[in-house]
Amino acid sequence: DVNFKLNAIDSIATSLGALQVTPVALERASKHEENGGSVRAALCTDAEAVEACVRFSQDHRILVEPACGAALAVLYSDRVREGALEGVGEGEAVVVEVC
């Protein structure tokens, strides 16, 4: 069911959190998949999000908050990366938005 709604956000990464995905986001994701693209979701722990923030700051000298670290965990956590990028072929683009 695409109308799933969370009761609360119980993470340190709350600033970009939403209790429910907007219909526009669902529509765009669906259209992207219809055009041959892939949309993936991944879960990380608070510790993985914070670790990604630290490593990103060391690599790029830019500070980001844990909500961004949750997205960056795909790049910095082996566990998250293996699950989120399973089936992604060599040379295929992976986009992570840093904000």
N, C-alpha and C. Protein backbone atom coordinates (compact mmCIF):
# COMPACT_ATOMS: atom_id res chain seq x y z
N ASP A 1 0.84 -1.18 0.00
CA ASP A 1 0.00 0.00 0.00
C ASP A 1 0.89 1.25 0.00
N VAL A 2 0.72 2.11 -0.96
CA VAL A 2 1.55 3.31 -1.07
C VAL A 2 1.08 4.42 -0.14
N ASN A 3 -0.01 4.25 0.56
CA ASN A 3 -0.52 5.27 1.47
C ASN A 3 -0.07 5.04 2.90
N PHE A 4 1.03 4.33 3.08
CA PHE A 4 1.57 4.05 4.40
C PHE A 4 1.96 5.34 5.09
N LYS A 5 1.65 5.46 6.38
CA LYS A 5 1.99 6.67 7.14
C LYS A 5 2.61 6.27 8.47
N LEU A 6 3.73 6.90 8.80
CA LEU A 6 4.39 6.66 10.08
C LEU A 6 3.65 7.39 11.19
N ASN A 7 3.72 6.85 12.40
CA ASN A 7 3.14 7.53 13.56
C ASN A 7 4.05 8.65 14.05
N ALA A 8 5.36 8.43 13.92
CA ALA A 8 6.35 9.40 14.40
C ALA A 8 7.70 9.11 13.77
N ILE A 9 8.56 10.09 13.81
CA ILE A 9 9.95 9.90 13.39
C ILE A 9 10.77 9.78 14.66
N ASP A 10 11.34 8.61 14.89
CA ASP A 10 12.05 8.37 16.15
C ASP A 10 13.54 8.20 15.91
N SER A 11 14.10 9.15 15.21
CA SER A 11 15.50 9.14 14.84
C SER A 11 16.11 10.49 15.17
N ILE A 12 17.43 10.56 15.20
CA ILE A 12 18.07 11.87 15.36
C ILE A 12 18.02 12.65 14.05
N ALA A 13 17.72 11.98 12.95
CA ALA A 13 17.66 12.60 11.63
C ALA A 13 16.23 13.04 11.32
N THR A 14 15.78 14.09 11.98
CA THR A 14 14.38 14.50 11.86
C THR A 14 14.15 15.66 10.90
N SER A 15 15.16 16.45 10.60
CA SER A 15 14.93 17.70 9.89
C SER A 15 14.36 17.52 8.48
N LEU A 16 14.70 16.45 7.81
CA LEU A 16 14.17 16.20 6.47
C LEU A 16 13.12 15.10 6.47
N GLY A 17 12.72 14.68 7.64
CA GLY A 17 11.78 13.57 7.75
C GLY A 17 10.36 13.96 7.40
N ALA A 18 9.63 13.01 6.91
CA ALA A 18 8.21 13.18 6.62
C ALA A 18 7.49 11.92 7.08
N LEU A 19 6.31 12.09 7.58
CA LEU A 19 5.54 10.95 8.04
C LEU A 19 4.94 10.16 6.88
N GLN A 20 4.83 10.80 5.73
CA GLN A 20 4.21 10.17 4.58
C GLN A 20 4.83 10.71 3.30
N VAL A 21 4.97 9.87 2.30
CA VAL A 21 5.48 10.29 1.00
C VAL A 21 4.38 11.06 0.28
N THR A 22 4.74 12.17 -0.36
CA THR A 22 3.74 12.96 -1.08
C THR A 22 3.30 12.25 -2.35
N PRO A 23 2.08 12.50 -2.79
CA PRO A 23 1.61 11.91 -4.05
C PRO A 23 2.50 12.29 -5.24
N VAL A 24 3.03 13.51 -5.24
CA VAL A 24 3.90 13.95 -6.34
C VAL A 24 5.17 13.10 -6.39
N ALA A 25 5.77 12.84 -5.24
CA ALA A 25 6.98 12.01 -5.20
C ALA A 25 6.68 10.60 -5.69
N LEU A 26 5.55 10.04 -5.28
CA LEU A 26 5.17 8.70 -5.74
C LEU A 26 4.94 8.68 -7.25
N GLU A 27 4.30 9.74 -7.75
CA GLU A 27 4.04 9.83 -9.19
C GLU A 27 5.35 9.90 -9.98
N ARG A 28 6.28 10.72 -9.50
CA ARG A 28 7.56 10.86 -10.20
C ARG A 28 8.38 9.58 -10.14
N ALA A 29 8.36 8.91 -9.00
CA ALA A 29 9.08 7.64 -8.88
C ALA A 29 8.48 6.60 -9.83
N SER A 30 7.17 6.55 -9.90
CA SER A 30 6.49 5.61 -10.79
C SER A 30 6.83 5.90 -12.25
N LYS A 31 6.81 7.17 -12.62
CA LYS A 31 7.13 7.56 -14.00
C LYS A 31 8.59 7.21 -14.33
N HIS A 32 9.48 7.42 -13.37
CA HIS A 32 10.90 7.08 -13.58
C HIS A 32 11.05 5.58 -13.84
N GLU A 33 10.35 4.77 -13.07
CA GLU A 33 10.41 3.32 -13.27
C GLU A 33 9.78 2.92 -14.61
N GLU A 34 8.69 3.57 -15.00
CA GLU A 34 8.07 3.29 -16.30
C GLU A 34 9.02 3.58 -17.45
N ASN A 35 9.91 4.54 -17.25
CA ASN A 35 10.89 4.91 -18.27
C ASN A 35 12.18 4.10 -18.16
N GLY A 36 12.15 3.02 -17.38
CA GLY A 36 13.29 2.12 -17.29
C GLY A 36 14.23 2.40 -16.14
N GLY A 37 13.94 3.39 -15.33
CA GLY A 37 14.78 3.73 -14.18
C GLY A 37 14.47 2.86 -12.99
N SER A 38 15.22 3.06 -11.95
CA SER A 38 15.05 2.29 -10.72
C SER A 38 15.00 3.24 -9.53
N VAL A 39 14.11 2.98 -8.61
CA VAL A 39 14.00 3.74 -7.37
C VAL A 39 14.19 2.78 -6.22
N ARG A 40 15.08 3.12 -5.31
CA ARG A 40 15.37 2.22 -4.19
C ARG A 40 15.23 2.95 -2.87
N ALA A 41 14.89 2.23 -1.85
CA ALA A 41 14.83 2.77 -0.49
C ALA A 41 15.77 1.95 0.37
N ALA A 42 16.35 2.58 1.37
CA ALA A 42 17.26 1.89 2.28
C ALA A 42 17.08 2.46 3.68
N LEU A 43 17.30 1.65 4.67
CA LEU A 43 17.25 2.09 6.06
C LEU A 43 18.65 2.04 6.65
N CYS A 44 18.96 3.06 7.44
CA CYS A 44 20.24 3.03 8.16
C CYS A 44 19.97 3.37 9.62
N THR A 45 20.92 3.03 10.45
CA THR A 45 20.81 3.36 11.87
C THR A 45 21.25 4.81 12.08
N ASP A 46 20.93 5.35 13.25
CA ASP A 46 21.42 6.69 13.59
C ASP A 46 22.94 6.71 13.59
N ALA A 47 23.55 5.65 14.09
CA ALA A 47 25.02 5.58 14.14
C ALA A 47 25.61 5.60 12.73
N GLU A 48 24.99 4.90 11.79
CA GLU A 48 25.48 4.91 10.41
C GLU A 48 25.33 6.29 9.77
N ALA A 49 24.24 6.98 10.09
CA ALA A 49 24.02 8.33 9.56
C ALA A 49 25.07 9.29 10.10
N VAL A 50 25.34 9.23 11.39
CA VAL A 50 26.34 10.11 12.00
C VAL A 50 27.74 9.78 11.48
N GLU A 51 28.06 8.52 11.37
CA GLU A 51 29.36 8.11 10.83
C GLU A 51 29.54 8.62 9.40
N ALA A 52 28.50 8.58 8.61
CA ALA A 52 28.57 9.09 7.25
C ALA A 52 28.82 10.60 7.26
N CYS A 53 28.19 11.32 8.18
CA CYS A 53 28.43 12.76 8.31
C CYS A 53 29.89 13.04 8.62
N VAL A 54 30.44 12.30 9.56
CA VAL A 54 31.84 12.49 9.96
C VAL A 54 32.76 12.19 8.78
N ARG A 55 32.55 11.08 8.13
CA ARG A 55 33.43 10.71 7.02
C ARG A 55 33.29 11.68 5.85
N PHE A 56 32.08 12.15 5.58
CA PHE A 56 31.88 13.13 4.51
C PHE A 56 32.63 14.42 4.85
N SER A 57 32.57 14.84 6.11
CA SER A 57 33.27 16.07 6.50
C SER A 57 34.78 15.90 6.38
N GLN A 58 35.27 14.72 6.67
CA GLN A 58 36.71 14.46 6.52
C GLN A 58 37.11 14.43 5.04
N ASP A 59 36.26 13.88 4.21
CA ASP A 59 36.57 13.78 2.78
C ASP A 59 36.42 15.11 2.05
N HIS A 60 35.42 15.93 2.45
CA HIS A 60 35.06 17.11 1.66
C HIS A 60 35.12 18.42 2.43
N ARG A 61 35.40 18.36 3.74
CA ARG A 61 35.48 19.55 4.58
C ARG A 61 34.17 20.35 4.55
N ILE A 62 33.07 19.63 4.52
CA ILE A 62 31.73 20.21 4.55
C ILE A 62 30.94 19.49 5.65
N LEU A 63 30.29 20.25 6.52
CA LEU A 63 29.47 19.65 7.56
C LEU A 63 28.03 19.49 7.07
N VAL A 64 27.47 18.34 7.32
CA VAL A 64 26.06 18.08 7.01
C VAL A 64 25.40 17.50 8.25
N GLU A 65 24.09 17.60 8.29
CA GLU A 65 23.35 17.09 9.44
C GLU A 65 22.98 15.61 9.25
N PRO A 66 22.56 14.93 10.32
CA PRO A 66 22.25 13.50 10.23
C PRO A 66 21.21 13.13 9.18
N ALA A 67 20.26 14.01 8.88
CA ALA A 67 19.28 13.69 7.84
C ALA A 67 19.99 13.49 6.50
N CYS A 68 20.98 14.30 6.22
CA CYS A 68 21.79 14.12 5.01
C CYS A 68 22.68 12.89 5.15
N GLY A 69 23.20 12.68 6.35
CA GLY A 69 24.03 11.50 6.61
C GLY A 69 23.29 10.21 6.34
N ALA A 70 21.98 10.22 6.51
CA ALA A 70 21.18 9.02 6.21
C ALA A 70 21.29 8.67 4.73
N ALA A 71 21.27 9.68 3.88
CA ALA A 71 21.45 9.43 2.43
C ALA A 71 22.89 9.04 2.14
N LEU A 72 23.83 9.70 2.79
CA LEU A 72 25.25 9.42 2.56
C LEU A 72 25.67 8.04 3.06
N ALA A 73 24.88 7.44 3.95
CA ALA A 73 25.21 6.11 4.48
C ALA A 73 25.31 5.08 3.36
N VAL A 74 24.60 5.31 2.25
CA VAL A 74 24.70 4.40 1.11
C VAL A 74 26.13 4.39 0.57
N LEU A 75 26.82 5.50 0.69
CA LEU A 75 28.19 5.60 0.18
C LEU A 75 29.23 5.15 1.21
N TYR A 76 28.94 5.32 2.50
CA TYR A 76 29.95 5.10 3.53
C TYR A 76 29.75 3.83 4.37
N SER A 77 28.59 3.24 4.34
CA SER A 77 28.34 2.02 5.13
C SER A 77 28.26 0.81 4.21
N ASP A 78 29.14 -0.15 4.42
CA ASP A 78 29.11 -1.37 3.61
C ASP A 78 27.76 -2.05 3.71
N ARG A 79 27.21 -2.13 4.93
CA ARG A 79 25.93 -2.82 5.13
C ARG A 79 24.81 -2.16 4.34
N VAL A 80 24.71 -0.84 4.44
CA VAL A 80 23.64 -0.13 3.74
C VAL A 80 23.86 -0.20 2.23
N ARG A 81 25.10 0.00 1.82
CA ARG A 81 25.41 -0.02 0.38
C ARG A 81 25.06 -1.35 -0.26
N GLU A 82 25.42 -2.45 0.40
CA GLU A 82 25.15 -3.78 -0.16
C GLU A 82 23.66 -4.00 -0.37
N GLY A 83 22.85 -3.57 0.58
CA GLY A 83 21.41 -3.75 0.44
C GLY A 83 20.79 -2.80 -0.57
N ALA A 84 21.20 -1.55 -0.52
CA ALA A 84 20.58 -0.53 -1.37
C ALA A 84 20.99 -0.64 -2.82
N LEU A 85 22.20 -1.08 -3.06
CA LEU A 85 22.71 -1.10 -4.43
C LEU A 85 22.76 -2.50 -5.04
N GLU A 86 22.12 -3.45 -4.38
CA GLU A 86 22.08 -4.81 -4.92
C GLU A 86 21.45 -4.77 -6.31
N GLY A 87 22.12 -5.37 -7.26
CA GLY A 87 21.61 -5.42 -8.61
C GLY A 87 21.99 -4.24 -9.49
N VAL A 88 22.63 -3.22 -8.92
CA VAL A 88 23.09 -2.09 -9.73
C VAL A 88 24.33 -2.53 -10.47
N GLY A 89 24.30 -2.38 -11.77
CA GLY A 89 25.41 -2.84 -12.60
C GLY A 89 26.60 -1.90 -12.58
N GLU A 90 27.75 -2.46 -12.90
CA GLU A 90 28.97 -1.66 -12.98
C GLU A 90 28.79 -0.58 -14.03
N GLY A 91 29.16 0.63 -13.69
CA GLY A 91 29.05 1.75 -14.62
C GLY A 91 27.69 2.45 -14.59
N GLU A 92 26.72 1.90 -13.86
CA GLU A 92 25.43 2.56 -13.76
C GLU A 92 25.53 3.72 -12.78
N ALA A 93 24.81 4.78 -13.05
CA ALA A 93 24.85 5.98 -12.19
C ALA A 93 24.05 5.75 -10.91
N VAL A 94 24.60 6.25 -9.82
CA VAL A 94 23.91 6.29 -8.54
C VAL A 94 23.92 7.75 -8.09
N VAL A 95 22.76 8.30 -7.78
CA VAL A 95 22.66 9.71 -7.39
C VAL A 95 22.32 9.80 -5.91
N VAL A 96 23.11 10.57 -5.17
CA VAL A 96 22.83 10.85 -3.77
C VAL A 96 22.83 12.37 -3.63
N GLU A 97 21.71 12.93 -3.23
CA GLU A 97 21.61 14.38 -3.08
C GLU A 97 22.13 14.79 -1.71
N VAL A 98 23.09 15.71 -1.71
CA VAL A 98 23.67 16.22 -0.48
C VAL A 98 23.10 17.61 -0.25
N CYS A 99 22.51 17.81 0.92
CA CYS A 99 21.90 19.13 1.20
C CYS A 99 22.35 19.64 2.55
